[in-house]
Amino acid sequence: MGQVAEATGLSVHALRFFEREELFLRDIPRTGGGRRVYAQADVDWLLLCGRLRESGMPIATVKRFAALVRSGPGNEPDRLALLQEHERAVRAKIDDLNACLEVVHGKVVTYEQHLRDGTAAGLWAPAPLTLPPRESSMQ
């Protein structure tokens, strides 16, 4: 388990969670001494699941995908639809992040230019807050 955890970047706790939640494509066999015996295919599957999770796929969707794969041939269109939906979500997230990056990059360029020109002092410095005069009595 420790080697698989190291190879995948998952904790031993996460590996147990994957097993308990039936996220593996097969039951993980054990030695006579009770140690789990993982195959390279199990590690590859964990790496894929890790990427799906890192890209924002909810654990329930990973579980549904695993169940589809585990059930064997015949449901490939369902698997494809699930992956296509996730791909759309990831692309939308990337588009949002790119829009954020453009704003941040614009500010970087502005600050770099002002620093080069020696005009950075006071750049976006907050102005003192001016409050309206207080009335003599408040009700």
C-alpha atoms as a PDB file:
ATOM      1  CA  MET A   1       0.000   0.000   0.000  1.00  0.00           C
ATOM      2  CA  GLY A   2       2.825   2.377   0.801  1.00  0.00           C
ATOM      3  CA  GLN A   3       4.399   1.881  -2.623  1.00  0.00           C
ATOM      4  CA  VAL A   4       1.101   2.519  -4.392  1.00  0.00           C
ATOM      5  CA  ALA A   5       0.503   5.588  -2.256  1.00  0.00           C
ATOM      6  CA  GLU A   6       3.941   6.875  -3.220  1.00  0.00           C
ATOM      7  CA  ALA A   7       3.462   6.069  -6.925  1.00  0.00           C
ATOM      8  CA  THR A   8       0.091   7.820  -7.093  1.00  0.00           C
ATOM      9  CA  GLY A   9       0.569  10.653  -4.614  1.00  0.00           C
ATOM     10  CA  LEU A  10      -2.443   9.407  -2.676  1.00  0.00           C
ATOM     11  CA  SER A  11      -2.372   8.717   1.021  1.00  0.00           C
ATOM     12  CA  VAL A  12      -2.918   5.257   2.462  1.00  0.00           C
ATOM     13  CA  HIS A  13      -6.145   6.681   3.895  1.00  0.00           C
ATOM     14  CA  ALA A  14      -7.227   7.711   0.366  1.00  0.00           C
ATOM     15  CA  LEU A  15      -6.448   4.233  -0.964  1.00  0.00           C
ATOM     16  CA  ARG A  16      -8.636   2.697   1.714  1.00  0.00           C
ATOM     17  CA  PHE A  17     -11.354   5.220   0.853  1.00  0.00           C
ATOM     18  CA  PHE A  18     -11.159   4.222  -2.823  1.00  0.00           C
ATOM     19  CA  GLU A  19     -11.545   0.595  -1.867  1.00  0.00           C
ATOM     20  CA  ARG A  20     -14.373   1.217   0.598  1.00  0.00           C
ATOM     21  CA  GLU A  21     -16.272   3.386  -1.923  1.00  0.00           C
ATOM     22  CA  GLU A  22     -15.814   0.785  -4.685  1.00  0.00           C
ATOM     23  CA  LEU A  23     -13.819   3.136  -6.886  1.00  0.00           C
ATOM     24  CA  PHE A  24     -11.429   0.431  -8.067  1.00  0.00           C
ATOM     25  CA  LEU A  25     -12.263  -1.544 -11.182  1.00  0.00           C
ATOM     26  CA  ARG A  26     -11.849  -4.821  -9.313  1.00  0.00           C
ATOM     27  CA  ASP A  27     -11.659  -6.132  -5.797  1.00  0.00           C
ATOM     28  CA  ILE A  28      -8.077  -5.743  -4.646  1.00  0.00           C
ATOM     29  CA  PRO A  29      -6.744  -9.192  -3.722  1.00  0.00           C
ATOM     30  CA  ARG A  30      -4.781  -9.792  -0.541  1.00  0.00           C
ATOM     31  CA  THR A  31      -1.912 -12.036   0.385  1.00  0.00           C
ATOM     32  CA  GLY A  32      -2.298 -14.708   3.016  1.00  0.00           C
ATOM     33  CA  GLY A  33      -0.991 -12.138   5.483  1.00  0.00           C
ATOM     34  CA  GLY A  34      -3.701  -9.660   4.523  1.00  0.00           C
ATOM     35  CA  ARG A  35      -1.565  -7.260   2.462  1.00  0.00           C
ATOM     36  CA  ARG A  36      -3.211  -5.779  -0.602  1.00  0.00           C
ATOM     37  CA  VAL A  37      -1.733  -6.764  -3.954  1.00  0.00           C
ATOM     38  CA  TYR A  38      -2.089  -4.030  -6.561  1.00  0.00           C
ATOM     39  CA  ALA A  39      -1.441  -4.487 -10.268  1.00  0.00           C
ATOM     40  CA  GLN A  40      -0.067  -1.812 -12.579  1.00  0.00           C
ATOM     41  CA  ALA A  41      -3.585  -1.435 -14.007  1.00  0.00           C
ATOM     42  CA  ASP A  42      -4.780  -0.460 -10.508  1.00  0.00           C
ATOM     43  CA  VAL A  43      -2.071   2.195 -10.256  1.00  0.00           C
ATOM     44  CA  ASP A  44      -2.920   3.506 -13.733  1.00  0.00           C
ATOM     45  CA  TRP A  45      -6.583   3.689 -12.764  1.00  0.00           C
ATOM     46  CA  LEU A  46      -5.720   5.577  -9.574  1.00  0.00           C
ATOM     47  CA  LEU A  47      -3.631   8.055 -11.579  1.00  0.00           C
ATOM     48  CA  LEU A  48      -6.578   8.637 -13.923  1.00  0.00           C
ATOM     49  CA  CYS A  49      -8.965   9.069 -11.012  1.00  0.00           C
ATOM     50  CA  GLY A  50      -6.530  11.506  -9.434  1.00  0.00           C
ATOM     51  CA  ARG A  51      -6.540  13.619 -12.585  1.00  0.00           C
ATOM     52  CA  LEU A  52     -10.305  13.505 -12.794  1.00  0.00           C
ATOM     53  CA  ARG A  53     -10.556  14.691  -9.181  1.00  0.00           C
ATOM     54  CA  GLU A  54      -7.868  17.370  -9.632  1.00  0.00           C
ATOM     55  CA  SER A  55      -9.793  18.677 -12.623  1.00  0.00           C
ATOM     56  CA  GLY A  56     -12.904  19.056 -10.503  1.00  0.00           C
ATOM     57  CA  MET A  57     -14.858  15.874 -11.123  1.00  0.00           C
ATOM     58  CA  PRO A  58     -17.029  15.162  -8.070  1.00  0.00           C
ATOM     59  CA  ILE A  59     -16.335  11.890  -6.285  1.00  0.00           C
ATOM     60  CA  ALA A  60     -19.892  10.734  -7.072  1.00  0.00           C
ATOM     61  CA  THR A  61     -19.160  11.122 -10.796  1.00  0.00           C
ATOM     62  CA  VAL A  62     -15.856   9.266 -10.471  1.00  0.00           C
ATOM     63  CA  LYS A  63     -17.793   6.523  -8.704  1.00  0.00           C
ATOM     64  CA  ARG A  64     -20.370   6.410 -11.495  1.00  0.00           C
ATOM     65  CA  PHE A  65     -17.598   6.255 -14.113  1.00  0.00           C
ATOM     66  CA  ALA A  66     -15.869   3.449 -12.206  1.00  0.00           C
ATOM     67  CA  ALA A  67     -19.141   1.515 -12.000  1.00  0.00           C
ATOM     68  CA  LEU A  68     -19.647   1.868 -15.755  1.00  0.00           C
ATOM     69  CA  VAL A  69     -16.122   0.673 -16.530  1.00  0.00           C
ATOM     70  CA  ARG A  70     -16.361  -2.143 -13.978  1.00  0.00           C
ATOM     71  CA  SER A  71     -19.601  -3.401 -15.499  1.00  0.00           C
ATOM     72  CA  GLY A  72     -17.825  -4.141 -18.765  1.00  0.00           C
ATOM     73  CA  PRO A  73     -18.585  -3.608 -22.440  1.00  0.00           C
ATOM     74  CA  GLY A  74     -21.859  -2.230 -23.690  1.00  0.00           C
ATOM     75  CA  ASN A  75     -22.036   1.106 -21.900  1.00  0.00           C
ATOM     76  CA  GLU A  76     -19.314   2.956 -23.791  1.00  0.00           C
ATOM     77  CA  PRO A  77     -21.741   5.691 -24.946  1.00  0.00           C
ATOM     78  CA  ASP A  78     -22.574   6.403 -21.285  1.00  0.00           C
ATOM     79  CA  ARG A  79     -18.884   6.573 -20.395  1.00  0.00           C
ATOM     80  CA  LEU A  80     -18.256   8.902 -23.315  1.00  0.00           C
ATOM     81  CA  ALA A  81     -21.144  11.180 -22.336  1.00  0.00           C
ATOM     82  CA  LEU A  82     -19.853  11.374 -18.763  1.00  0.00           C
ATOM     83  CA  LEU A  83     -16.341  12.247 -19.959  1.00  0.00           C
ATOM     84  CA  GLN A  84     -17.628  14.764 -22.501  1.00  0.00           C
ATOM     85  CA  GLU A  85     -19.628  16.550 -19.823  1.00  0.00           C
ATOM     86  CA  HIS A  86     -16.576  16.714 -17.601  1.00  0.00           C
ATOM     87  CA  GLU A  87     -14.455  17.946 -20.492  1.00  0.00           C
ATOM     88  CA  ARG A  88     -16.949  20.783 -21.061  1.00  0.00           C
ATOM     89  CA  ALA A  89     -16.772  21.696 -17.370  1.00  0.00           C
ATOM     90  CA  VAL A  90     -12.960  21.677 -17.395  1.00  0.00           C
ATOM     91  CA  ARG A  91     -12.838  23.821 -20.549  1.00  0.00           C
ATOM     92  CA  ALA A  92     -15.268  26.305 -18.976  1.00  0.00           C
ATOM     93  CA  LYS A  93     -13.069  26.461 -15.876  1.00  0.00           C
ATOM     94  CA  ILE A  94     -10.010  27.041 -18.068  1.00  0.00           C
ATOM     95  CA  ASP A  95     -11.858  29.832 -19.917  1.00  0.00           C
ATOM     96  CA  ASP A  96     -12.726  31.458 -16.580  1.00  0.00           C
ATOM     97  CA  LEU A  97      -9.140  31.148 -15.379  1.00  0.00           C
ATOM     98  CA  ASN A  98      -7.845  32.603 -18.652  1.00  0.00           C
ATOM     99  CA  ALA A  99     -10.153  35.606 -18.215  1.00  0.00           C
ATOM    100  CA  CYS A 100      -8.778  36.044 -14.679  1.00  0.00           C
ATOM    101  CA  LEU A 101      -5.237  35.665 -15.977  1.00  0.00           C
ATOM    102  CA  GLU A 102      -5.803  38.433 -18.535  1.00  0.00           C
ATOM    103  CA  VAL A 103      -6.889  40.822 -15.782  1.00  0.00           C
ATOM    104  CA  VAL A 104      -3.942  39.891 -13.566  1.00  0.00           C
ATOM    105  CA  HIS A 105      -1.505  40.147 -16.466  1.00  0.00           C
ATOM    106  CA  GLY A 106      -2.879  43.595 -17.329  1.00  0.00           C
ATOM    107  CA  LYS A 107      -2.176  44.728 -13.780  1.00  0.00           C
ATOM    108  CA  VAL A 108       1.338  43.225 -13.908  1.00  0.00           C
ATOM    109  CA  VAL A 109       2.058  45.133 -17.132  1.00  0.00           C
ATOM    110  CA  THR A 110       0.681  48.349 -15.600  1.00  0.00           C
ATOM    111  CA  TYR A 111       2.796  48.026 -12.454  1.00  0.00           C
ATOM    112  CA  GLU A 112       5.915  47.116 -14.439  1.00  0.00           C
ATOM    113  CA  GLN A 113       5.456  50.197 -16.631  1.00  0.00           C
ATOM    114  CA  HIS A 114       4.881  52.509 -13.657  1.00  0.00           C
ATOM    115  CA  LEU A 115       7.934  51.105 -11.860  1.00  0.00           C
ATOM    116  CA  ARG A 116      10.085  51.617 -14.973  1.00  0.00           C
ATOM    117  CA  ASP A 117       8.753  55.167 -15.386  1.00  0.00           C
ATOM    118  CA  GLY A 118       9.113  55.994 -11.683  1.00  0.00           C
ATOM    119  CA  THR A 119       5.398  56.752 -11.412  1.00  0.00           C
ATOM    120  CA  ALA A 120       4.374  53.872  -9.153  1.00  0.00           C
ATOM    121  CA  ALA A 121       4.080  55.896  -5.943  1.00  0.00           C
ATOM    122  CA  GLY A 122       0.449  56.154  -5.003  1.00  0.00           C
ATOM    123  CA  LEU A 123      -0.670  53.723  -7.681  1.00  0.00           C
ATOM    124  CA  TRP A 124      -4.084  52.564  -6.512  1.00  0.00           C
ATOM    125  CA  ALA A 125      -3.449  53.998  -3.062  1.00  0.00           C
ATOM    126  CA  PRO A 126      -6.676  54.112  -1.123  1.00  0.00           C
ATOM    127  CA  ALA A 127      -8.053  57.610  -0.766  1.00  0.00           C
ATOM    128  CA  PRO A 128      -8.996  58.741   2.722  1.00  0.00           C
ATOM    129  CA  LEU A 129     -12.606  58.028   3.429  1.00  0.00           C
ATOM    130  CA  THR A 130     -14.647  61.203   3.767  1.00  0.00           C
ATOM    131  CA  LEU A 131     -17.783  60.842   5.789  1.00  0.00           C
ATOM    132  CA  PRO A 132     -20.778  63.129   5.466  1.00  0.00           C
ATOM    133  CA  PRO A 133     -21.190  65.569   8.352  1.00  0.00           C
ATOM    134  CA  ARG A 134     -23.026  64.083  11.307  1.00  0.00           C
ATOM    135  CA  GLU A 135     -26.394  65.374  12.200  1.00  0.00           C
ATOM    136  CA  SER A 136     -26.698  66.718  15.722  1.00  0.00           C
ATOM    137  CA  SER A 137     -29.339  64.208  16.765  1.00  0.00           C
ATOM    138  CA  MET A 138     -30.128  60.774  15.452  1.00  0.00           C
ATOM    139  CA  GLN A 139     -33.429  59.109  15.984  1.00  0.00           C
END
